[in-house]
Amino acid sequence: MIENQKIKPAQVIGPLGEPLTLANLPAPGTKRWVVRRKAEVVAAVNGGLLTIDEVCERYDLTLEEFASWQRAVDRSGMPGLRVTRIQHYRDLYERQQRY
């Protein structure tokens, strides 16, 4: 039955507007996570190219780590993924929620 099958797209639109496929996602086992790579993985999950479980297994991430990337993108876009600015964007988001 079609409704029971999980249909995944062949490609999704990446964070910079380019098409993303499984072939051009960061390599499995990536250890150095720059902003662009994090954003590509988040876009792949949001677009349905990979599931969260697949991402966590493929890249050896915890669910909490990936969820923090998703929150950062939702709140501040790609700049929110910068490790050196995490506290700045977190504070900015909290101030926006108060007012």
PDB file of N, CA and C in Angstrom:
ATOM      1  N   MET A   1       0.835  -1.185   0.000  1.00  0.00           N
ATOM      2  CA  MET A   1       0.000   0.000   0.000  1.00  0.00           C
ATOM      3  C   MET A   1       0.875   1.241   0.000  1.00  0.00           C
ATOM      4  N   ILE A   2       0.494   2.202  -0.777  1.00  0.00           N
ATOM      5  CA  ILE A   2       1.291   3.416  -0.927  1.00  0.00           C
ATOM      6  C   ILE A   2       1.339   4.227   0.361  1.00  0.00           C
ATOM      7  N   GLU A   3       0.236   4.306   1.086  1.00  0.00           N
ATOM      8  CA  GLU A   3       0.231   5.118   2.294  1.00  0.00           C
ATOM      9  C   GLU A   3       1.172   4.582   3.375  1.00  0.00           C
ATOM     10  N   ASN A   4       1.556   3.313   3.306  1.00  0.00           N
ATOM     11  CA  ASN A   4       2.479   2.749   4.275  1.00  0.00           C
ATOM     12  C   ASN A   4       3.944   2.904   3.874  1.00  0.00           C
ATOM     13  N   GLN A   5       4.201   3.256   2.624  1.00  0.00           N
ATOM     14  CA  GLN A   5       5.565   3.418   2.161  1.00  0.00           C
ATOM     15  C   GLN A   5       6.077   4.804   2.529  1.00  0.00           C
ATOM     16  N   LYS A   6       7.338   4.845   2.903  1.00  0.00           N
ATOM     17  CA  LYS A   6       7.948   6.130   3.203  1.00  0.00           C
ATOM     18  C   LYS A   6       8.700   6.583   1.961  1.00  0.00           C
ATOM     19  N   ILE A   7       8.171   7.580   1.313  1.00  0.00           N
ATOM     20  CA  ILE A   7       8.778   8.092   0.091  1.00  0.00           C
ATOM     21  C   ILE A   7       9.678   9.262   0.452  1.00  0.00           C
ATOM     22  N   LYS A   8      10.949   9.139   0.079  1.00  0.00           N
ATOM     23  CA  LYS A   8      11.909  10.198   0.355  1.00  0.00           C
ATOM     24  C   LYS A   8      12.250  10.909  -0.945  1.00  0.00           C
ATOM     25  N   PRO A   9      12.447  12.211  -0.872  1.00  0.00           N
ATOM     26  CA  PRO A   9      12.832  12.938  -2.085  1.00  0.00           C
ATOM     27  C   PRO A   9      14.263  12.581  -2.493  1.00  0.00           C
ATOM     28  N   ALA A  10      14.557  12.728  -3.772  1.00  0.00           N
ATOM     29  CA  ALA A  10      15.913  12.473  -4.264  1.00  0.00           C
ATOM     30  C   ALA A  10      16.843  13.613  -3.881  1.00  0.00           C
ATOM     31  N   GLN A  11      16.271  14.803  -3.745  1.00  0.00           N
ATOM     32  CA  GLN A  11      17.073  15.963  -3.358  1.00  0.00           C
ATOM     33  C   GLN A  11      16.196  16.977  -2.651  1.00  0.00           C
ATOM     34  N   VAL A  12      16.828  17.836  -1.872  1.00  0.00           N
ATOM     35  CA  VAL A  12      16.159  18.937  -1.191  1.00  0.00           C
ATOM     36  C   VAL A  12      16.974  20.198  -1.436  1.00  0.00           C
ATOM     37  N   ILE A  13      16.411  21.328  -1.126  1.00  0.00           N
ATOM     38  CA  ILE A  13      17.136  22.589  -1.279  1.00  0.00           C
ATOM     39  C   ILE A  13      17.945  22.837  -0.015  1.00  0.00           C
ATOM     40  N   GLY A  14      19.237  23.059  -0.198  1.00  0.00           N
ATOM     41  CA  GLY A  14      20.140  23.283   0.920  1.00  0.00           C
ATOM     42  C   GLY A  14      20.051  24.691   1.477  1.00  0.00           C
ATOM     43  N   PRO A  15      20.812  24.975   2.496  1.00  0.00           N
ATOM     44  CA  PRO A  15      20.750  26.273   3.171  1.00  0.00           C
ATOM     45  C   PRO A  15      21.225  27.436   2.292  1.00  0.00           C
ATOM     46  N   LEU A  16      22.011  27.144   1.289  1.00  0.00           N
ATOM     47  CA  LEU A  16      22.503  28.200   0.397  1.00  0.00           C
ATOM     48  C   LEU A  16      21.752  28.218  -0.927  1.00  0.00           C
ATOM     49  N   GLY A  17      20.652  27.448  -1.009  1.00  0.00           N
ATOM     50  CA  GLY A  17      19.830  27.429  -2.206  1.00  0.00           C
ATOM     51  C   GLY A  17      20.234  26.385  -3.235  1.00  0.00           C
ATOM     52  N   GLU A  18      21.256  25.598  -2.940  1.00  0.00           N
ATOM     53  CA  GLU A  18      21.725  24.578  -3.871  1.00  0.00           C
ATOM     54  C   GLU A  18      21.000  23.257  -3.592  1.00  0.00           C
ATOM     55  N   PRO A  19      20.881  22.400  -4.613  1.00  0.00           N
ATOM     56  CA  PRO A  19      20.260  21.094  -4.367  1.00  0.00           C
ATOM     57  C   PRO A  19      21.166  20.202  -3.518  1.00  0.00           C
ATOM     58  N   LEU A  20      20.581  19.536  -2.548  1.00  0.00           N
ATOM     59  CA  LEU A  20      21.312  18.596  -1.687  1.00  0.00           C
ATOM     60  C   LEU A  20      20.810  17.190  -1.954  1.00  0.00           C
ATOM     61  N   THR A  21      21.735  16.270  -2.143  1.00  0.00           N
ATOM     62  CA  THR A  21      21.408  14.854  -2.276  1.00  0.00           C
ATOM     63  C   THR A  21      22.204  14.098  -1.216  1.00  0.00           C
ATOM     64  N   LEU A  22      21.922  12.817  -1.076  1.00  0.00           N
ATOM     65  CA  LEU A  22      22.697  12.016  -0.134  1.00  0.00           C
ATOM     66  C   LEU A  22      24.181  12.014  -0.497  1.00  0.00           C
ATOM     67  N   ALA A  23      24.465  12.087  -1.785  1.00  0.00           N
ATOM     68  CA  ALA A  23      25.857  12.040  -2.245  1.00  0.00           C
ATOM     69  C   ALA A  23      26.650  13.283  -1.858  1.00  0.00           C
ATOM     70  N   ASN A  24      26.002  14.448  -1.786  1.00  0.00           N
ATOM     71  CA  ASN A  24      26.773  15.649  -1.473  1.00  0.00           C
ATOM     72  C   ASN A  24      26.553  16.181  -0.059  1.00  0.00           C
ATOM     73  N   LEU A  25      25.966  15.350   0.801  1.00  0.00           N
ATOM     74  CA  LEU A  25      25.918  15.679   2.227  1.00  0.00           C
ATOM     75  C   LEU A  25      27.306  15.443   2.824  1.00  0.00           C
ATOM     76  N   PRO A  26      27.580  16.001   3.993  1.00  0.00           N
ATOM     77  CA  PRO A  26      28.870  15.715   4.636  1.00  0.00           C
ATOM     78  C   PRO A  26      29.085  14.199   4.756  1.00  0.00           C
ATOM     79  N   ALA A  27      30.330  13.793   4.670  1.00  0.00           N
ATOM     80  CA  ALA A  27      30.667  12.371   4.728  1.00  0.00           C
ATOM     81  C   ALA A  27      30.287  11.774   6.077  1.00  0.00           C
ATOM     82  N   PRO A  28      29.832  10.518   6.077  1.00  0.00           N
ATOM     83  CA  PRO A  28      29.560   9.861   7.362  1.00  0.00           C
ATOM     84  C   PRO A  28      30.825   9.858   8.220  1.00  0.00           C
ATOM     85  N   GLY A  29      30.622  10.057   9.507  1.00  0.00           N
ATOM     86  CA  GLY A  29      31.764  10.081  10.407  1.00  0.00           C
ATOM     87  C   GLY A  29      32.455  11.428  10.480  1.00  0.00           C
ATOM     88  N   THR A  30      31.870  12.459   9.896  1.00  0.00           N
ATOM     89  CA  THR A  30      32.453  13.805   9.956  1.00  0.00           C
ATOM     90  C   THR A  30      32.643  14.209  11.411  1.00  0.00           C
ATOM     91  N   LYS A  31      33.794  14.753  11.715  1.00  0.00           N
ATOM     92  CA  LYS A  31      34.099  15.187  13.083  1.00  0.00           C
ATOM     93  C   LYS A  31      34.195  16.709  13.205  1.00  0.00           C
ATOM     94  N   ARG A  32      34.575  17.381  12.128  1.00  0.00           N
ATOM     95  CA  ARG A  32      34.727  18.840  12.164  1.00  0.00           C
ATOM     96  C   ARG A  32      33.467  19.470  11.579  1.00  0.00           C
ATOM     97  N   TRP A  33      32.681  20.074  12.444  1.00  0.00           N
ATOM     98  CA  TRP A  33      31.382  20.602  12.040  1.00  0.00           C
ATOM     99  C   TRP A  33      31.427  22.119  11.887  1.00  0.00           C
ATOM    100  N   VAL A  34      31.512  22.578  10.667  1.00  0.00           N
ATOM    101  CA  VAL A  34      31.431  24.006  10.382  1.00  0.00           C
ATOM    102  C   VAL A  34      29.961  24.355  10.168  1.00  0.00           C
ATOM    103  N   VAL A  35      29.657  25.626  10.158  1.00  0.00           N
ATOM    104  CA  VAL A  35      28.272  26.099  10.045  1.00  0.00           C
ATOM    105  C   VAL A  35      27.578  25.519   8.818  1.00  0.00           C
ATOM    106  N   ARG A  36      28.226  25.552   7.669  1.00  0.00           N
ATOM    107  CA  ARG A  36      27.601  25.080   6.428  1.00  0.00           C
ATOM    108  C   ARG A  36      27.216  23.605   6.531  1.00  0.00           C
ATOM    109  N   ARG A  37      28.085  22.772   7.077  1.00  0.00           N
ATOM    110  CA  ARG A  37      27.793  21.341   7.186  1.00  0.00           C
ATOM    111  C   ARG A  37      26.616  21.088   8.129  1.00  0.00           C
ATOM    112  N   LYS A  38      26.605  21.790   9.255  1.00  0.00           N
ATOM    113  CA  LYS A  38      25.486  21.638  10.192  1.00  0.00           C
ATOM    114  C   LYS A  38      24.180  22.032   9.511  1.00  0.00           C
ATOM    115  N   ALA A  39      24.197  23.157   8.796  1.00  0.00           N
ATOM    116  CA  ALA A  39      22.994  23.650   8.129  1.00  0.00           C
ATOM    117  C   ALA A  39      22.532  22.683   7.039  1.00  0.00           C
ATOM    118  N   GLU A  40      23.466  22.053   6.346  1.00  0.00           N
ATOM    119  CA  GLU A  40      23.100  21.076   5.317  1.00  0.00           C
ATOM    120  C   GLU A  40      22.398  19.866   5.931  1.00  0.00           C
ATOM    121  N   VAL A  41      22.901  19.398   7.049  1.00  0.00           N
ATOM    122  CA  VAL A  41      22.291  18.243   7.713  1.00  0.00           C
ATOM    123  C   VAL A  41      20.898  18.608   8.230  1.00  0.00           C
ATOM    124  N   VAL A  42      20.750  19.778   8.802  1.00  0.00           N
ATOM    125  CA  VAL A  42      19.428  20.218   9.275  1.00  0.00           C
ATOM    126  C   VAL A  42      18.466  20.336   8.093  1.00  0.00           C
ATOM    127  N   ALA A  43      18.916  20.898   6.981  1.00  0.00           N
ATOM    128  CA  ALA A  43      18.068  21.023   5.789  1.00  0.00           C
ATOM    129  C   ALA A  43      17.670  19.650   5.252  1.00  0.00           C
ATOM    130  N   ALA A  44      18.587  18.695   5.303  1.00  0.00           N
ATOM    131  CA  ALA A  44      18.285  17.340   4.824  1.00  0.00           C
ATOM    132  C   ALA A  44      17.178  16.707   5.657  1.00  0.00           C
ATOM    133  N   VAL A  45      17.219  16.896   6.960  1.00  0.00           N
ATOM    134  CA  VAL A  45      16.170  16.346   7.827  1.00  0.00           C
ATOM    135  C   VAL A  45      14.861  17.098   7.610  1.00  0.00           C
ATOM    136  N   ASN A  46      14.924  18.410   7.570  1.00  0.00           N
ATOM    137  CA  ASN A  46      13.708  19.200   7.381  1.00  0.00           C
ATOM    138  C   ASN A  46      13.033  18.914   6.043  1.00  0.00           C
ATOM    139  N   GLY A  47      13.839  18.594   5.030  1.00  0.00           N
ATOM    140  CA  GLY A  47      13.300  18.286   3.713  1.00  0.00           C
ATOM    141  C   GLY A  47      12.892  16.834   3.529  1.00  0.00           C
ATOM    142  N   GLY A  48      13.207  15.986   4.497  1.00  0.00           N
ATOM    143  CA  GLY A  48      12.813  14.590   4.420  1.00  0.00           C
ATOM    144  C   GLY A  48      13.832  13.680   3.755  1.00  0.00           C
ATOM    145  N   LEU A  49      15.007  14.198   3.446  1.00  0.00           N
ATOM    146  CA  LEU A  49      16.039  13.386   2.801  1.00  0.00           C
ATOM    147  C   LEU A  49      16.572  12.321   3.762  1.00  0.00           C
ATOM    148  N   LEU A  50      16.698  12.668   5.036  1.00  0.00           N
ATOM    149  CA  LEU A  50      17.134  11.746   6.085  1.00  0.00           C
ATOM    150  C   LEU A  50      16.220  11.920   7.295  1.00  0.00           C
ATOM    151  N   THR A  51      16.125  10.870   8.092  1.00  0.00           N
ATOM    152  CA  THR A  51      15.390  10.988   9.358  1.00  0.00           C
ATOM    153  C   THR A  51      16.381  11.407  10.442  1.00  0.00           C
ATOM    154  N   ILE A  52      15.861  11.838  11.553  1.00  0.00           N
ATOM    155  CA  ILE A  52      16.725  12.225  12.671  1.00  0.00           C
ATOM    156  C   ILE A  52      17.541  11.028  13.145  1.00  0.00           C
ATOM    157  N   ASP A  53      16.908   9.861  13.199  1.00  0.00           N
ATOM    158  CA  ASP A  53      17.641   8.659  13.614  1.00  0.00           C
ATOM    159  C   ASP A  53      18.783   8.344  12.661  1.00  0.00           C
ATOM    160  N   GLU A  54      18.532   8.486  11.352  1.00  0.00           N
ATOM    161  CA  GLU A  54      19.582   8.231  10.365  1.00  0.00           C
ATOM    162  C   GLU A  54      20.739   9.208  10.522  1.00  0.00           C
ATOM    163  N   VAL A  55      20.421  10.470  10.785  1.00  0.00           N
ATOM    164  CA  VAL A  55      21.460  11.480  10.965  1.00  0.00           C
ATOM    165  C   VAL A  55      22.299  11.175  12.208  1.00  0.00           C
ATOM    166  N   CYS A  56      21.630  10.851  13.300  1.00  0.00           N
ATOM    167  CA  CYS A  56      22.361  10.573  14.540  1.00  0.00           C
ATOM    168  C   CYS A  56      23.290   9.375  14.365  1.00  0.00           C
ATOM    169  N   GLU A  57      22.829   8.353  13.672  1.00  0.00           N
ATOM    170  CA  GLU A  57      23.665   7.175  13.448  1.00  0.00           C
ATOM    171  C   GLU A  57      24.787   7.470  12.442  1.00  0.00           C
ATOM    172  N   ARG A  58      24.443   8.129  11.352  1.00  0.00           N
ATOM    173  CA  ARG A  58      25.416   8.409  10.281  1.00  0.00           C
ATOM    174  C   ARG A  58      26.560   9.289  10.763  1.00  0.00           C
ATOM    175  N   TYR A  59      26.235  10.277  11.610  1.00  0.00           N
ATOM    176  CA  TYR A  59      27.245  11.245  12.043  1.00  0.00           C
ATOM    177  C   TYR A  59      27.647  11.095  13.508  1.00  0.00           C
ATOM    178  N   ASP A  60      27.172  10.051  14.165  1.00  0.00           N
ATOM    179  CA  ASP A  60      27.490   9.789  15.560  1.00  0.00           C
ATOM    180  C   ASP A  60      27.167  11.009  16.438  1.00  0.00           C
ATOM    181  N   LEU A  61      25.935  11.505  16.284  1.00  0.00           N
ATOM    182  CA  LEU A  61      25.452  12.651  17.052  1.00  0.00           C
ATOM    183  C   LEU A  61      24.439  12.169  18.083  1.00  0.00           C
ATOM    184  N   THR A  62      24.298  12.925  19.145  1.00  0.00           N
ATOM    185  CA  THR A  62      23.213  12.647  20.078  1.00  0.00           C
ATOM    186  C   THR A  62      21.978  13.389  19.596  1.00  0.00           C
ATOM    187  N   LEU A  63      20.844  12.928  20.032  1.00  0.00           N
ATOM    188  CA  LEU A  63      19.594  13.590  19.673  1.00  0.00           C
ATOM    189  C   LEU A  63      19.605  15.036  20.161  1.00  0.00           C
ATOM    190  N   GLU A  64      20.145  15.269  21.353  1.00  0.00           N
ATOM    191  CA  GLU A  64      20.201  16.618  21.923  1.00  0.00           C
ATOM    192  C   GLU A  64      21.081  17.540  21.087  1.00  0.00           C
ATOM    193  N   GLU A  65      22.201  17.010  20.599  1.00  0.00           N
ATOM    194  CA  GLU A  65      23.099  17.837  19.791  1.00  0.00           C
ATOM    195  C   GLU A  65      22.423  18.247  18.490  1.00  0.00           C
ATOM    196  N   PHE A  66      21.788  17.283  17.820  1.00  0.00           N
ATOM    197  CA  PHE A  66      21.105  17.622  16.577  1.00  0.00           C
ATOM    198  C   PHE A  66      19.946  18.576  16.835  1.00  0.00           C
ATOM    199  N   ALA A  67      19.198  18.340  17.895  1.00  0.00           N
ATOM    200  CA  ALA A  67      18.067  19.220  18.222  1.00  0.00           C
ATOM    201  C   ALA A  67      18.546  20.643  18.487  1.00  0.00           C
ATOM    202  N   SER A  68      19.728  20.791  19.088  1.00  0.00           N
ATOM    203  CA  SER A  68      20.257  22.144  19.327  1.00  0.00           C
ATOM    204  C   SER A  68      20.581  22.829  18.001  1.00  0.00           C
ATOM    205  N   TRP A  69      21.039  22.069  17.007  1.00  0.00           N
ATOM    206  CA  TRP A  69      21.296  22.644  15.683  1.00  0.00           C
ATOM    207  C   TRP A  69      19.979  23.110  15.061  1.00  0.00           C
ATOM    208  N   GLN A  70      18.951  22.280  15.165  1.00  0.00           N
ATOM    209  CA  GLN A  70      17.654  22.666  14.606  1.00  0.00           C
ATOM    210  C   GLN A  70      17.110  23.923  15.271  1.00  0.00           C
ATOM    211  N   ARG A  71      17.197  23.989  16.595  1.00  0.00           N
ATOM    212  CA  ARG A  71      16.725  25.181  17.307  1.00  0.00           C
ATOM    213  C   ARG A  71      17.502  26.413  16.877  1.00  0.00           C
ATOM    214  N   ALA A  72      18.820  26.276  16.742  1.00  0.00           N
ATOM    215  CA  ALA A  72      19.652  27.411  16.346  1.00  0.00           C
ATOM    216  C   ALA A  72      19.263  27.920  14.963  1.00  0.00           C
ATOM    217  N   VAL A  73      19.010  27.012  14.033  1.00  0.00           N
ATOM    218  CA  VAL A  73      18.615  27.415  12.678  1.00  0.00           C
ATOM    219  C   VAL A  73      17.237  28.062  12.711  1.00  0.00           C
ATOM    220  N   ASP A  74      16.305  27.482  13.464  1.00  0.00           N
ATOM    221  CA  ASP A  74      14.957  28.046  13.556  1.00  0.00           C
ATOM    222  C   ASP A  74      14.970  29.449  14.153  1.00  0.00           C
ATOM    223  N   ARG A  75      15.804  29.655  15.147  1.00  0.00           N
ATOM    224  CA  ARG A  75      15.831  30.937  15.852  1.00  0.00           C
ATOM    225  C   ARG A  75      16.639  32.005  15.127  1.00  0.00           C
ATOM    226  N   SER A  76      17.821  31.638  14.619  1.00  0.00           N
ATOM    227  CA  SER A  76      18.751  32.654  14.113  1.00  0.00           C
ATOM    228  C   SER A  76      19.304  32.367  12.735  1.00  0.00           C
ATOM    229  N   GLY A  77      18.846  31.315  12.092  1.00  0.00           N
ATOM    230  CA  GLY A  77      19.386  30.967  10.781  1.00  0.00           C
ATOM    231  C   GLY A  77      20.798  30.407  10.911  1.00  0.00           C
ATOM    232  N   MET A  78      21.518  30.409   9.815  1.00  0.00           N
ATOM    233  CA  MET A  78      22.873  29.848   9.825  1.00  0.00           C
ATOM    234  C   MET A  78      23.805  30.528  10.832  1.00  0.00           C
ATOM    235  N   PRO A  79      23.728  31.841  11.040  1.00  0.00           N
ATOM    236  CA  PRO A  79      24.629  32.454  12.025  1.00  0.00           C
ATOM    237  C   PRO A  79      24.456  31.874  13.436  1.00  0.00           C
ATOM    238  N   GLY A  80      23.285  31.370  13.752  1.00  0.00           N
ATOM    239  CA  GLY A  80      23.044  30.783  15.059  1.00  0.00           C
ATOM    240  C   GLY A  80      23.826  29.510  15.306  1.00  0.00           C
ATOM    241  N   LEU A  81      24.367  28.911  14.250  1.00  0.00           N
ATOM    242  CA  LEU A  81      25.146  27.680  14.373  1.00  0.00           C
ATOM    243  C   LEU A  81      26.609  27.933  14.697  1.00  0.00           C
ATOM    244  N   ARG A  82      27.022  29.185  14.696  1.00  0.00           N
ATOM    245  CA  ARG A  82      28.424  29.499  14.988  1.00  0.00           C
ATOM    246  C   ARG A  82      28.710  29.249  16.462  1.00  0.00           C
ATOM    247  N   VAL A  83      29.654  28.373  16.731  1.00  0.00           N
ATOM    248  CA  VAL A  83      29.979  27.995  18.102  1.00  0.00           C
ATOM    249  C   VAL A  83      30.428  29.196  18.917  1.00  0.00           C
ATOM    250  N   THR A  84      31.169  30.100  18.310  1.00  0.00           N
ATOM    251  CA  THR A  84      31.689  31.245  19.058  1.00  0.00           C
ATOM    252  C   THR A  84      30.593  32.241  19.419  1.00  0.00           C
ATOM    253  N   ARG A  85      29.419  32.130  18.836  1.00  0.00           N
ATOM    254  CA  ARG A  85      28.355  33.096  19.080  1.00  0.00           C
ATOM    255  C   ARG A  85      27.112  32.478  19.707  1.00  0.00           C
ATOM    256  N   ILE A  86      27.189  31.252  20.180  1.00  0.00           N
ATOM    257  CA  ILE A  86      26.019  30.564  20.722  1.00  0.00           C
ATOM    258  C   ILE A  86      25.366  31.375  21.840  1.00  0.00           C
ATOM    259  N   GLN A  87      26.150  31.839  22.790  1.00  0.00           N
ATOM    260  CA  GLN A  87      25.577  32.572  23.916  1.00  0.00           C
ATOM    261  C   GLN A  87      24.937  33.877  23.464  1.00  0.00           C
ATOM    262  N   HIS A  88      25.548  34.559  22.508  1.00  0.00           N
ATOM    263  CA  HIS A  88      24.977  35.809  21.993  1.00  0.00           C
ATOM    264  C   HIS A  88      23.591  35.562  21.404  1.00  0.00           C
ATOM    265  N   TYR A  89      23.466  34.565  20.532  1.00  0.00           N
ATOM    266  CA  TYR A  89      22.177  34.298  19.894  1.00  0.00           C
ATOM    267  C   TYR A  89      21.161  33.752  20.894  1.00  0.00           C
ATOM    268  N   ARG A  90      21.609  32.991  21.887  1.00  0.00           N
ATOM    269  CA  ARG A  90      20.700  32.489  22.912  1.00  0.00           C
ATOM    270  C   ARG A  90      20.138  33.655  23.717  1.00  0.00           C
ATOM    271  N   ASP A  91      21.000  34.598  24.108  1.00  0.00           N
ATOM    272  CA  ASP A  91      20.551  35.778  24.853  1.00  0.00           C
ATOM    273  C   ASP A  91      19.607  36.629  24.022  1.00  0.00           C
ATOM    274  N   LEU A  92      19.936  36.821  22.754  1.00  0.00           N
ATOM    275  CA  LEU A  92      19.094  37.601  21.853  1.00  0.00           C
ATOM    276  C   LEU A  92      17.703  36.983  21.740  1.00  0.00           C
ATOM    277  N   TYR A  93      17.651  35.671  21.573  1.00  0.00           N
ATOM    278  CA  TYR A  93      16.370  34.971  21.466  1.00  0.00           C
ATOM    279  C   TYR A  93      15.551  35.135  22.751  1.00  0.00           C
ATOM    280  N   GLU A  94      16.201  34.988  23.890  1.00  0.00           N
ATOM    281  CA  GLU A  94      15.494  35.117  25.161  1.00  0.00           C
ATOM    282  C   GLU A  94      14.953  36.534  25.356  1.00  0.00           C
ATOM    283  N   ARG A  95      15.730  37.549  24.953  1.00  0.00           N
ATOM    284  CA  ARG A  95      15.215  38.924  25.044  1.00  0.00           C
ATOM    285  C   ARG A  95      14.014  39.142  24.142  1.00  0.00           C
ATOM    286  N   GLN A  96      14.044  38.554  22.934  1.00  0.00           N
ATOM    287  CA  GLN A  96      12.927  38.701  22.010  1.00  0.00           C
ATOM    288  C   GLN A  96      11.673  38.042  22.558  1.00  0.00           C
ATOM    289  N   GLN A  97      11.828  36.953  23.275  1.00  0.00           N
ATOM    290  CA  GLN A  97      10.673  36.250  23.839  1.00  0.00           C
ATOM    291  C   GLN A  97      10.023  37.033  24.968  1.00  0.00           C
ATOM    292  N   ARG A  98      10.810  37.846  25.675  1.00  0.00           N
ATOM    293  CA  ARG A  98      10.269  38.635  26.786  1.00  0.00           C
ATOM    294  C   ARG A  98       9.425  39.816  26.315  1.00  0.00           C
ATOM    295  N   TYR A  99       9.788  40.379  25.176  1.00  0.00           N
ATOM    296  CA  TYR A  99       9.101  41.606  24.735  1.00  0.00           C
ATOM    297  C   TYR A  99       8.212  41.410  23.576  1.00  0.00           C
TER     298      TYR A  99
END
